[in-house]
Amino acid sequence: MSLDIESLGFTKEELQERVIARICETLLSSVEYDPDDGNEYPIASKFKNAIDDRIKKQVNETINQIAEKSVLPNVSAYIEQMTIQQTNGYGESRGTPATFIEYLTARAEAYMQERVDFKGKSKEESGGYSWSGTQTRITYLVHEHLHYSIETAMKGALKIANSAIATGIQETVKLKLAEITEKLKVEVKP
């Protein structure tokens, strides 16, 4: 009696599908034994994790390419053409509308020209009653930068000078100790 696929109740296509499914199951999953309860639990195999990582990477790259081609140019154009209109507390328009770039430039200029105290804080930021706006923010920032640059240069120069002085003092002490040692005569008297 010979056995063939049809006598087992399978068609050639069904057998192929089952074999492929079993191979995929074997490649994509593994079993982990839990010594606490003695049961085996299915887990993803290293092969499956590697495939998942490659798929995620490819999907992210594709999304980024689409975004660079289609989304980003449209967003840039939208931002450049967008107009901003100031309103009062009731939502009524006031002032003239400005593009985003004009608004951003005006805000940067206002920020740099804002009056600040000696700590670089505006009246709103300081919150104190004795606030005195003695300078603009740009002036304060220039002074701070100069102060930092001068302080850094002075610390560096002082470090070099201290090193030279310390070396000189050390050499002088060594010479004087050598002179004192030569002048000292030790006598042993019975």
N, C-alpha and C. Protein backbone atom coordinates (compact mmCIF):
# COMPACT_ATOMS: atom_id res chain seq x y z
N MET A 1 0.85 -1.17 0.00
CA MET A 1 0.00 0.00 0.00
C MET A 1 0.89 1.24 0.00
N SER A 2 0.75 2.07 -0.98
CA SER A 2 1.55 3.28 -1.09
C SER A 2 0.74 4.48 -0.61
N LEU A 3 1.46 5.37 0.05
CA LEU A 3 0.81 6.58 0.56
C LEU A 3 1.13 7.74 -0.38
N ASP A 4 0.12 8.51 -0.65
CA ASP A 4 0.34 9.73 -1.41
C ASP A 4 -0.40 10.88 -0.71
N ILE A 5 -0.20 12.06 -1.18
CA ILE A 5 -0.75 13.25 -0.51
C ILE A 5 -2.27 13.22 -0.49
N GLU A 6 -2.89 12.78 -1.57
CA GLU A 6 -4.35 12.76 -1.64
C GLU A 6 -4.94 11.78 -0.65
N SER A 7 -4.26 10.65 -0.43
CA SER A 7 -4.79 9.65 0.51
C SER A 7 -4.71 10.16 1.95
N LEU A 8 -3.83 11.11 2.22
CA LEU A 8 -3.75 11.70 3.56
C LEU A 8 -4.76 12.83 3.73
N GLY A 9 -5.44 13.20 2.69
CA GLY A 9 -6.48 14.22 2.75
C GLY A 9 -5.97 15.62 2.48
N PHE A 10 -4.82 15.75 1.83
CA PHE A 10 -4.26 17.06 1.52
C PHE A 10 -4.12 17.21 0.02
N THR A 11 -4.17 18.47 -0.40
CA THR A 11 -3.80 18.77 -1.78
C THR A 11 -2.35 19.24 -1.74
N LYS A 12 -1.74 19.31 -2.88
CA LYS A 12 -0.35 19.75 -2.95
C LYS A 12 -0.21 21.18 -2.42
N GLU A 13 -1.15 22.07 -2.73
CA GLU A 13 -1.12 23.46 -2.29
C GLU A 13 -1.28 23.56 -0.78
N GLU A 14 -2.19 22.74 -0.20
CA GLU A 14 -2.39 22.76 1.26
C GLU A 14 -1.12 22.32 1.97
N LEU A 15 -0.48 21.28 1.47
CA LEU A 15 0.76 20.79 2.08
C LEU A 15 1.85 21.87 2.00
N GLN A 16 1.97 22.53 0.86
CA GLN A 16 2.95 23.60 0.71
C GLN A 16 2.67 24.73 1.71
N GLU A 17 1.41 25.10 1.85
CA GLU A 17 1.05 26.17 2.79
C GLU A 17 1.39 25.78 4.23
N ARG A 18 1.12 24.54 4.61
CA ARG A 18 1.42 24.08 5.97
C ARG A 18 2.92 24.05 6.22
N VAL A 19 3.69 23.58 5.24
CA VAL A 19 5.14 23.54 5.40
C VAL A 19 5.70 24.95 5.54
N ILE A 20 5.24 25.87 4.70
CA ILE A 20 5.70 27.27 4.77
C ILE A 20 5.30 27.90 6.11
N ALA A 21 4.08 27.65 6.56
CA ALA A 21 3.62 28.19 7.84
C ALA A 21 4.47 27.66 8.99
N ARG A 22 4.84 26.37 8.94
CA ARG A 22 5.65 25.78 10.01
C ARG A 22 7.07 26.34 9.99
N ILE A 23 7.62 26.54 8.81
CA ILE A 23 8.96 27.13 8.70
C ILE A 23 8.94 28.55 9.26
N CYS A 24 7.94 29.33 8.90
CA CYS A 24 7.83 30.71 9.39
C CYS A 24 7.66 30.73 10.90
N GLU A 25 6.84 29.84 11.42
CA GLU A 25 6.62 29.76 12.87
C GLU A 25 7.93 29.44 13.59
N THR A 26 8.71 28.52 13.02
CA THR A 26 9.97 28.13 13.62
C THR A 26 10.98 29.28 13.57
N LEU A 27 11.02 30.01 12.47
CA LEU A 27 11.98 31.11 12.33
C LEU A 27 11.60 32.33 13.16
N LEU A 28 10.30 32.59 13.29
CA LEU A 28 9.87 33.84 13.90
C LEU A 28 9.58 33.75 15.40
N SER A 29 9.50 32.56 15.93
CA SER A 29 9.23 32.46 17.36
C SER A 29 10.14 31.44 18.01
N SER A 30 10.24 31.57 19.30
CA SER A 30 11.04 30.66 20.09
C SER A 30 10.26 30.36 21.36
N VAL A 31 10.79 29.46 22.15
CA VAL A 31 10.11 29.09 23.39
C VAL A 31 11.05 29.34 24.55
N GLU A 32 10.52 29.95 25.59
CA GLU A 32 11.31 30.21 26.79
C GLU A 32 10.73 29.40 27.94
N TYR A 33 11.60 28.71 28.63
CA TYR A 33 11.18 27.86 29.75
C TYR A 33 11.23 28.67 31.04
N ASP A 34 10.13 28.64 31.79
CA ASP A 34 10.06 29.33 33.09
C ASP A 34 10.27 28.30 34.19
N PRO A 35 11.41 28.33 34.89
CA PRO A 35 11.68 27.32 35.91
C PRO A 35 10.76 27.43 37.13
N ASP A 36 10.14 28.60 37.31
CA ASP A 36 9.26 28.78 38.48
C ASP A 36 8.00 27.93 38.38
N ASP A 37 7.35 27.99 37.21
CA ASP A 37 6.10 27.21 37.08
C ASP A 37 6.24 26.01 36.15
N GLY A 38 7.41 25.83 35.53
CA GLY A 38 7.66 24.66 34.69
C GLY A 38 7.00 24.73 33.33
N ASN A 39 6.47 25.87 32.94
CA ASN A 39 5.79 26.01 31.66
C ASN A 39 6.71 26.65 30.62
N GLU A 40 6.39 26.41 29.37
CA GLU A 40 7.10 27.04 28.28
C GLU A 40 6.22 28.13 27.69
N TYR A 41 6.86 29.28 27.36
CA TYR A 41 6.12 30.41 26.82
C TYR A 41 6.74 30.84 25.50
N PRO A 42 5.91 31.13 24.49
CA PRO A 42 6.45 31.56 23.20
C PRO A 42 6.98 33.00 23.29
N ILE A 43 8.13 33.23 22.67
CA ILE A 43 8.70 34.57 22.59
C ILE A 43 9.18 34.81 21.17
N ALA A 44 9.41 36.06 20.82
CA ALA A 44 9.90 36.39 19.48
C ALA A 44 11.36 35.97 19.36
N SER A 45 11.73 35.44 18.21
CA SER A 45 13.10 35.01 17.98
C SER A 45 13.97 36.21 17.62
N LYS A 46 15.28 36.03 17.66
CA LYS A 46 16.20 37.08 17.27
C LYS A 46 16.01 37.44 15.81
N PHE A 47 15.72 36.44 15.01
CA PHE A 47 15.48 36.66 13.58
C PHE A 47 14.28 37.56 13.38
N LYS A 48 13.20 37.30 14.11
CA LYS A 48 11.99 38.12 14.00
C LYS A 48 12.27 39.54 14.48
N ASN A 49 13.02 39.68 15.57
CA ASN A 49 13.35 41.02 16.07
C ASN A 49 14.18 41.79 15.04
N ALA A 50 15.11 41.09 14.37
CA ALA A 50 15.94 41.74 13.34
C ALA A 50 15.08 42.18 12.17
N ILE A 51 14.14 41.33 11.76
CA ILE A 51 13.24 41.69 10.65
C ILE A 51 12.38 42.87 11.04
N ASP A 52 11.82 42.86 12.27
CA ASP A 52 11.00 43.97 12.74
C ASP A 52 11.79 45.28 12.75
N ASP A 53 13.05 45.22 13.21
CA ASP A 53 13.88 46.42 13.24
C ASP A 53 14.13 46.95 11.84
N ARG A 54 14.39 46.06 10.88
CA ARG A 54 14.61 46.50 9.50
C ARG A 54 13.34 47.11 8.91
N ILE A 55 12.21 46.51 9.20
CA ILE A 55 10.94 47.04 8.69
C ILE A 55 10.69 48.43 9.26
N LYS A 56 10.88 48.59 10.58
CA LYS A 56 10.68 49.90 11.20
C LYS A 56 11.61 50.94 10.60
N LYS A 57 12.88 50.57 10.39
CA LYS A 57 13.85 51.48 9.82
C LYS A 57 13.43 51.90 8.41
N GLN A 58 12.99 50.94 7.61
CA GLN A 58 12.57 51.24 6.23
C GLN A 58 11.33 52.12 6.22
N VAL A 59 10.38 51.83 7.10
CA VAL A 59 9.16 52.65 7.18
C VAL A 59 9.53 54.08 7.57
N ASN A 60 10.39 54.25 8.57
CA ASN A 60 10.80 55.59 9.00
C ASN A 60 11.51 56.34 7.88
N GLU A 61 12.41 55.65 7.16
CA GLU A 61 13.11 56.30 6.06
C GLU A 61 12.14 56.73 4.96
N THR A 62 11.19 55.88 4.66
CA THR A 62 10.20 56.20 3.62
C THR A 62 9.35 57.39 4.04
N ILE A 63 8.91 57.39 5.30
CA ILE A 63 8.11 58.51 5.80
C ILE A 63 8.91 59.80 5.75
N ASN A 64 10.18 59.74 6.16
CA ASN A 64 11.03 60.94 6.12
C ASN A 64 11.22 61.45 4.69
N GLN A 65 11.39 60.52 3.72
CA GLN A 65 11.55 60.93 2.32
C GLN A 65 10.28 61.62 1.82
N ILE A 66 9.14 61.04 2.16
CA ILE A 66 7.86 61.64 1.73
C ILE A 66 7.69 63.01 2.38
N ALA A 67 8.03 63.10 3.66
CA ALA A 67 7.89 64.37 4.37
C ALA A 67 8.80 65.44 3.76
N GLU A 68 10.05 65.06 3.42
CA GLU A 68 10.97 66.02 2.83
C GLU A 68 10.49 66.49 1.45
N LYS A 69 9.88 65.59 0.68
CA LYS A 69 9.42 65.95 -0.66
C LYS A 69 8.11 66.74 -0.64
N SER A 70 7.17 66.32 0.22
CA SER A 70 5.83 66.87 0.14
C SER A 70 5.45 67.80 1.29
N VAL A 71 5.75 67.39 2.52
CA VAL A 71 5.25 68.13 3.67
C VAL A 71 6.09 69.36 3.98
N LEU A 72 7.40 69.20 4.10
CA LEU A 72 8.25 70.32 4.53
C LEU A 72 8.19 71.53 3.61
N PRO A 73 8.23 71.36 2.28
CA PRO A 73 8.11 72.56 1.43
C PRO A 73 6.78 73.27 1.63
N ASN A 74 5.71 72.52 1.81
CA ASN A 74 4.40 73.14 2.02
C ASN A 74 4.35 73.87 3.35
N VAL A 75 4.95 73.29 4.40
CA VAL A 75 4.97 73.95 5.71
C VAL A 75 5.79 75.22 5.63
N SER A 76 6.95 75.16 4.97
CA SER A 76 7.79 76.35 4.82
C SER A 76 7.04 77.45 4.07
N ALA A 77 6.39 77.09 2.99
CA ALA A 77 5.64 78.08 2.22
C ALA A 77 4.50 78.64 3.06
N TYR A 78 3.83 77.79 3.82
CA TYR A 78 2.72 78.25 4.67
C TYR A 78 3.21 79.25 5.71
N ILE A 79 4.34 78.92 6.35
CA ILE A 79 4.87 79.81 7.40
C ILE A 79 5.29 81.14 6.78
N GLU A 80 5.93 81.12 5.61
CA GLU A 80 6.38 82.36 4.98
C GLU A 80 5.21 83.23 4.54
N GLN A 81 4.09 82.63 4.15
CA GLN A 81 2.95 83.39 3.65
C GLN A 81 1.92 83.70 4.74
N MET A 82 2.05 83.08 5.90
CA MET A 82 1.07 83.25 6.97
C MET A 82 1.10 84.70 7.48
N THR A 83 -0.06 85.26 7.71
CA THR A 83 -0.13 86.60 8.27
C THR A 83 -0.67 86.51 9.68
N ILE A 84 -0.12 87.39 10.54
CA ILE A 84 -0.52 87.42 11.94
C ILE A 84 -1.19 88.76 12.19
N GLN A 85 -2.32 88.72 12.85
CA GLN A 85 -3.08 89.93 13.15
C GLN A 85 -3.24 90.05 14.65
N GLN A 86 -2.80 91.16 15.21
CA GLN A 86 -2.98 91.38 16.64
C GLN A 86 -4.45 91.71 16.91
N THR A 87 -4.91 91.27 18.08
CA THR A 87 -6.30 91.57 18.47
C THR A 87 -6.30 92.12 19.89
N ASN A 88 -7.42 92.75 20.24
CA ASN A 88 -7.56 93.21 21.61
C ASN A 88 -8.19 92.10 22.44
N GLY A 89 -8.56 92.37 23.66
CA GLY A 89 -9.11 91.36 24.56
C GLY A 89 -10.44 90.79 24.08
N TYR A 90 -11.10 91.48 23.16
CA TYR A 90 -12.38 91.01 22.64
C TYR A 90 -12.26 90.31 21.29
N GLY A 91 -11.05 90.15 20.80
CA GLY A 91 -10.83 89.48 19.53
C GLY A 91 -10.96 90.39 18.33
N GLU A 92 -11.08 91.70 18.56
CA GLU A 92 -11.19 92.64 17.44
C GLU A 92 -9.78 92.97 16.94
N SER A 93 -9.64 93.04 15.63
CA SER A 93 -8.34 93.32 15.02
C SER A 93 -7.86 94.71 15.39
N ARG A 94 -6.56 94.81 15.61
CA ARG A 94 -5.95 96.12 15.83
C ARG A 94 -4.56 96.09 15.20
N GLY A 95 -4.11 97.20 14.72
CA GLY A 95 -2.82 97.25 14.05
C GLY A 95 -2.91 96.67 12.65
N THR A 96 -1.77 96.61 12.00
CA THR A 96 -1.74 96.09 10.63
C THR A 96 -1.28 94.63 10.65
N PRO A 97 -1.84 93.83 9.77
CA PRO A 97 -1.40 92.44 9.71
C PRO A 97 0.05 92.36 9.21
N ALA A 98 0.77 91.34 9.67
CA ALA A 98 2.17 91.16 9.27
C ALA A 98 2.41 89.69 8.95
N THR A 99 3.37 89.46 8.04
CA THR A 99 3.74 88.08 7.77
C THR A 99 4.49 87.53 8.97
N PHE A 100 4.64 86.22 9.01
CA PHE A 100 5.32 85.60 10.14
C PHE A 100 6.75 86.10 10.27
N ILE A 101 7.45 86.24 9.15
CA ILE A 101 8.83 86.69 9.18
C ILE A 101 8.91 88.14 9.66
N GLU A 102 7.98 89.00 9.20
CA GLU A 102 7.94 90.38 9.68
C GLU A 102 7.66 90.42 11.18
N TYR A 103 6.73 89.58 11.63
CA TYR A 103 6.39 89.53 13.05
C TYR A 103 7.59 89.06 13.87
N LEU A 104 8.25 88.01 13.40
CA LEU A 104 9.41 87.46 14.10
C LEU A 104 10.54 88.49 14.18
N THR A 105 10.78 89.20 13.09
CA THR A 105 11.81 90.24 13.07
C THR A 105 11.46 91.37 14.03
N ALA A 106 10.22 91.79 14.04
CA ALA A 106 9.79 92.87 14.94
C ALA A 106 9.92 92.44 16.40
N ARG A 107 9.54 91.20 16.71
CA ARG A 107 9.65 90.70 18.09
C ARG A 107 11.10 90.61 18.53
N ALA A 108 12.00 90.17 17.63
CA ALA A 108 13.42 90.09 17.96
C ALA A 108 13.98 91.49 18.21
N GLU A 109 13.59 92.44 17.37
CA GLU A 109 14.06 93.81 17.55
C GLU A 109 13.53 94.39 18.86
N ALA A 110 12.25 94.16 19.16
CA ALA A 110 11.67 94.66 20.42
C ALA A 110 12.36 94.02 21.62
N TYR A 111 12.66 92.75 21.52
CA TYR A 111 13.34 92.04 22.62
C TYR A 111 14.72 92.63 22.87
N MET A 112 15.47 92.88 21.81
CA MET A 112 16.82 93.40 21.95
C MET A 112 16.83 94.85 22.42
N GLN A 113 15.79 95.64 22.10
CA GLN A 113 15.73 97.04 22.49
C GLN A 113 15.00 97.26 23.82
N GLU A 114 14.47 96.20 24.41
CA GLU A 114 13.74 96.32 25.67
C GLU A 114 14.67 96.79 26.78
N ARG A 115 14.16 97.66 27.64
CA ARG A 115 14.94 98.17 28.76
C ARG A 115 15.05 97.08 29.83
N VAL A 116 16.27 96.91 30.39
CA VAL A 116 16.51 95.92 31.43
C VAL A 116 17.31 96.55 32.56
N ASP A 117 17.30 95.88 33.72
CA ASP A 117 18.08 96.37 34.86
C ASP A 117 19.51 95.83 34.79
N PHE A 118 20.28 96.04 35.83
CA PHE A 118 21.69 95.62 35.84
C PHE A 118 21.86 94.11 35.83
N LYS A 119 20.79 93.35 36.10
CA LYS A 119 20.85 91.88 36.04
C LYS A 119 20.36 91.35 34.69
N GLY A 120 19.92 92.22 33.81
CA GLY A 120 19.42 91.80 32.50
C GLY A 120 17.96 91.42 32.50
N LYS A 121 17.21 91.84 33.53
CA LYS A 121 15.79 91.47 33.62
C LYS A 121 14.92 92.68 33.30
N SER A 122 13.85 92.40 32.55
CA SER A 122 12.89 93.46 32.24
C SER A 122 12.03 93.72 33.47
N LYS A 123 11.19 94.73 33.38
CA LYS A 123 10.33 95.07 34.53
C LYS A 123 9.41 93.90 34.87
N GLU A 124 8.86 93.24 33.85
CA GLU A 124 7.97 92.10 34.09
C GLU A 124 8.73 90.93 34.70
N GLU A 125 9.96 90.71 34.24
CA GLU A 125 10.76 89.59 34.74
C GLU A 125 11.23 89.81 36.17
N SER A 126 11.56 91.06 36.52
CA SER A 126 12.07 91.32 37.87
C SER A 126 10.95 91.32 38.90
N GLY A 127 9.78 91.83 38.53
CA GLY A 127 8.62 91.81 39.42
C GLY A 127 8.76 92.71 40.63
N GLY A 128 9.79 93.53 40.69
CA GLY A 128 9.99 94.37 41.86
C GLY A 128 9.52 95.79 41.62
N TYR A 129 9.28 96.51 42.72
CA TYR A 129 8.84 97.89 42.61
C TYR A 129 10.01 98.84 42.37
N SER A 130 11.20 98.43 42.76
CA SER A 130 12.35 99.32 42.64
C SER A 130 13.14 99.06 41.36
N TRP A 131 12.48 98.57 40.35
CA TRP A 131 13.15 98.26 39.09
C TRP A 131 13.57 99.54 38.39
N SER A 132 14.75 99.51 37.80
CA SER A 132 15.24 100.66 37.06
C SER A 132 15.85 100.16 35.76
N GLY A 133 15.21 100.49 34.65
CA GLY A 133 15.71 100.07 33.34
C GLY A 133 16.86 100.96 32.92
N THR A 134 18.06 100.52 33.20
CA THR A 134 19.23 101.36 32.97
C THR A 134 19.83 101.20 31.59
N GLN A 135 19.48 100.14 30.88
CA GLN A 135 20.10 99.87 29.58
C GLN A 135 19.20 98.97 28.75
N THR A 136 19.54 98.85 27.45
CA THR A 136 18.79 97.92 26.59
C THR A 136 19.36 96.52 26.77
N ARG A 137 18.58 95.54 26.37
CA ARG A 137 19.03 94.15 26.52
C ARG A 137 20.28 93.88 25.70
N ILE A 138 20.37 94.43 24.50
CA ILE A 138 21.55 94.20 23.66
C ILE A 138 22.79 94.78 24.32
N THR A 139 22.65 95.96 24.94
CA THR A 139 23.78 96.56 25.66
C THR A 139 24.20 95.66 26.81
N TYR A 140 23.22 95.17 27.56
CA TYR A 140 23.52 94.28 28.68
C TYR A 140 24.25 93.03 28.19
N LEU A 141 23.76 92.43 27.09
CA LEU A 141 24.38 91.21 26.57
C LEU A 141 25.80 91.46 26.09
N VAL A 142 26.05 92.59 25.46
CA VAL A 142 27.41 92.92 25.01
C VAL A 142 28.33 93.08 26.22
N HIS A 143 27.84 93.79 27.25
CA HIS A 143 28.64 93.96 28.46
C HIS A 143 28.93 92.62 29.12
N GLU A 144 27.94 91.76 29.19
CA GLU A 144 28.14 90.43 29.80
C GLU A 144 29.16 89.61 29.01
N HIS A 145 29.06 89.68 27.69
CA HIS A 145 30.01 88.94 26.86
C HIS A 145 31.43 89.47 27.06
N LEU A 146 31.58 90.79 27.08
CA LEU A 146 32.90 91.38 27.32
C LEU A 146 33.42 91.00 28.70
N HIS A 147 32.56 91.05 29.69
CA HIS A 147 32.95 90.69 31.06
C HIS A 147 33.45 89.24 31.10
N TYR A 148 32.70 88.36 30.46
CA TYR A 148 33.08 86.94 30.43
C TYR A 148 34.43 86.76 29.72
N SER A 149 34.61 87.43 28.58
CA SER A 149 35.85 87.29 27.81
C SER A 149 37.04 87.82 28.60
N ILE A 150 36.87 88.99 29.21
CA ILE A 150 37.97 89.56 30.00
C ILE A 150 38.27 88.69 31.21
N GLU A 151 37.23 88.23 31.89
CA GLU A 151 37.42 87.38 33.08
C GLU A 151 38.15 86.09 32.71
N THR A 152 37.76 85.47 31.61
CA THR A 152 38.42 84.24 31.17
C THR A 152 39.89 84.49 30.83
N ALA A 153 40.16 85.58 30.13
CA ALA A 153 41.54 85.91 29.77
C ALA A 153 42.37 86.20 31.02
N MET A 154 41.79 86.93 31.97
CA MET A 154 42.52 87.26 33.21
C MET A 154 42.79 86.00 34.03
N LYS A 155 41.83 85.11 34.12
CA LYS A 155 42.05 83.86 34.86
C LYS A 155 43.16 83.04 34.22
N GLY A 156 43.18 83.01 32.89
CA GLY A 156 44.24 82.28 32.19
C GLY A 156 45.60 82.90 32.45
N ALA A 157 45.68 84.23 32.38
CA ALA A 157 46.95 84.93 32.63
C ALA A 157 47.40 84.73 34.07
N LEU A 158 46.45 84.80 35.00
CA LEU A 158 46.78 84.60 36.42
C LEU A 158 47.28 83.19 36.66
N LYS A 159 46.69 82.23 36.01
CA LYS A 159 47.12 80.84 36.16
C LYS A 159 48.55 80.66 35.68
N ILE A 160 48.86 81.26 34.53
CA ILE A 160 50.21 81.19 33.99
C ILE A 160 51.20 81.89 34.94
N ALA A 161 50.82 83.09 35.43
CA ALA A 161 51.70 83.83 36.34
C ALA A 161 51.90 83.06 37.65
N ASN A 162 50.83 82.51 38.20
CA ASN A 162 50.94 81.73 39.44
C ASN A 162 51.85 80.52 39.24
N SER A 163 51.75 79.89 38.11
CA SER A 163 52.59 78.73 37.81
C SER A 163 54.06 79.14 37.76
N ALA A 164 54.33 80.27 37.09
CA ALA A 164 55.71 80.75 36.98
C ALA A 164 56.24 81.15 38.35
N ILE A 165 55.41 81.84 39.14
CA ILE A 165 55.83 82.27 40.48
C ILE A 165 56.07 81.06 41.38
N ALA A 166 55.16 80.10 41.33
CA ALA A 166 55.31 78.91 42.16
C ALA A 166 56.58 78.15 41.79
N THR A 167 56.87 78.05 40.50
CA THR A 167 58.10 77.37 40.07
C THR A 167 59.32 78.13 40.57
N GLY A 168 59.31 79.47 40.48
CA GLY A 168 60.42 80.29 40.95
C GLY A 168 60.62 80.14 42.45
N ILE A 169 59.53 80.17 43.19
CA ILE A 169 59.63 80.02 44.66
C ILE A 169 60.18 78.64 45.00
N GLN A 170 59.73 77.64 44.32
CA GLN A 170 60.18 76.27 44.59
C GLN A 170 61.69 76.15 44.33
N GLU A 171 62.16 76.72 43.22
CA GLU A 171 63.58 76.67 42.90
C GLU A 171 64.40 77.44 43.94
N THR A 172 63.90 78.60 44.36
CA THR A 172 64.60 79.40 45.37
C THR A 172 64.70 78.66 46.69
N VAL A 173 63.61 78.03 47.10
CA VAL A 173 63.61 77.26 48.36
C VAL A 173 64.61 76.11 48.27
N LYS A 174 64.67 75.44 47.14
CA LYS A 174 65.62 74.34 46.97
C LYS A 174 67.06 74.85 47.08
N LEU A 175 67.36 75.99 46.43
CA LEU A 175 68.70 76.56 46.50
C LEU A 175 69.07 76.96 47.92
N LYS A 176 68.14 77.63 48.62
CA LYS A 176 68.41 78.06 49.99
C LYS A 176 68.58 76.87 50.93
N LEU A 177 67.81 75.84 50.75
CA LEU A 177 67.95 74.64 51.58
C LEU A 177 69.31 73.97 51.31
N ALA A 178 69.75 73.98 50.06
CA ALA A 178 71.05 73.42 49.72
C ALA A 178 72.17 74.23 50.38
N GLU A 179 72.04 75.58 50.36
CA GLU A 179 73.04 76.45 51.00
C GLU A 179 73.09 76.20 52.50
N ILE A 180 71.93 76.12 53.11
CA ILE A 180 71.87 75.90 54.56
C ILE A 180 72.46 74.55 54.90
N THR A 181 72.20 73.56 54.11
CA THR A 181 72.73 72.22 54.35
C THR A 181 74.25 72.22 54.27
N GLU A 182 74.82 72.97 53.31
CA GLU A 182 76.26 73.05 53.17
C GLU A 182 76.90 73.76 54.36
N LYS A 183 76.25 74.80 54.87
CA LYS A 183 76.79 75.57 55.98
C LYS A 183 76.71 74.82 57.30
N LEU A 184 75.77 73.96 57.40
CA LEU A 184 75.63 73.20 58.65
C LEU A 184 76.70 72.12 58.70
N LYS A 185 77.42 72.10 59.78
CA LYS A 185 78.40 71.04 59.98
C LYS A 185 77.98 70.29 61.21
N VAL A 186 77.93 69.04 61.06
CA VAL A 186 77.52 68.20 62.19
C VAL A 186 78.78 67.62 62.82
N GLU A 187 78.94 67.86 64.12
CA GLU A 187 80.07 67.29 64.84
C GLU A 187 79.54 66.35 65.88
N VAL A 188 80.24 65.28 66.00
CA VAL A 188 79.88 64.33 67.04
C VAL A 188 80.96 64.42 68.10
N LYS A 189 80.61 64.75 69.35
CA LYS A 189 81.55 64.90 70.45
C LYS A 189 81.35 63.74 71.40
N PRO A 190 82.48 63.16 71.84
CA PRO A 190 82.36 62.03 72.77
C PRO A 190 82.08 62.48 74.19
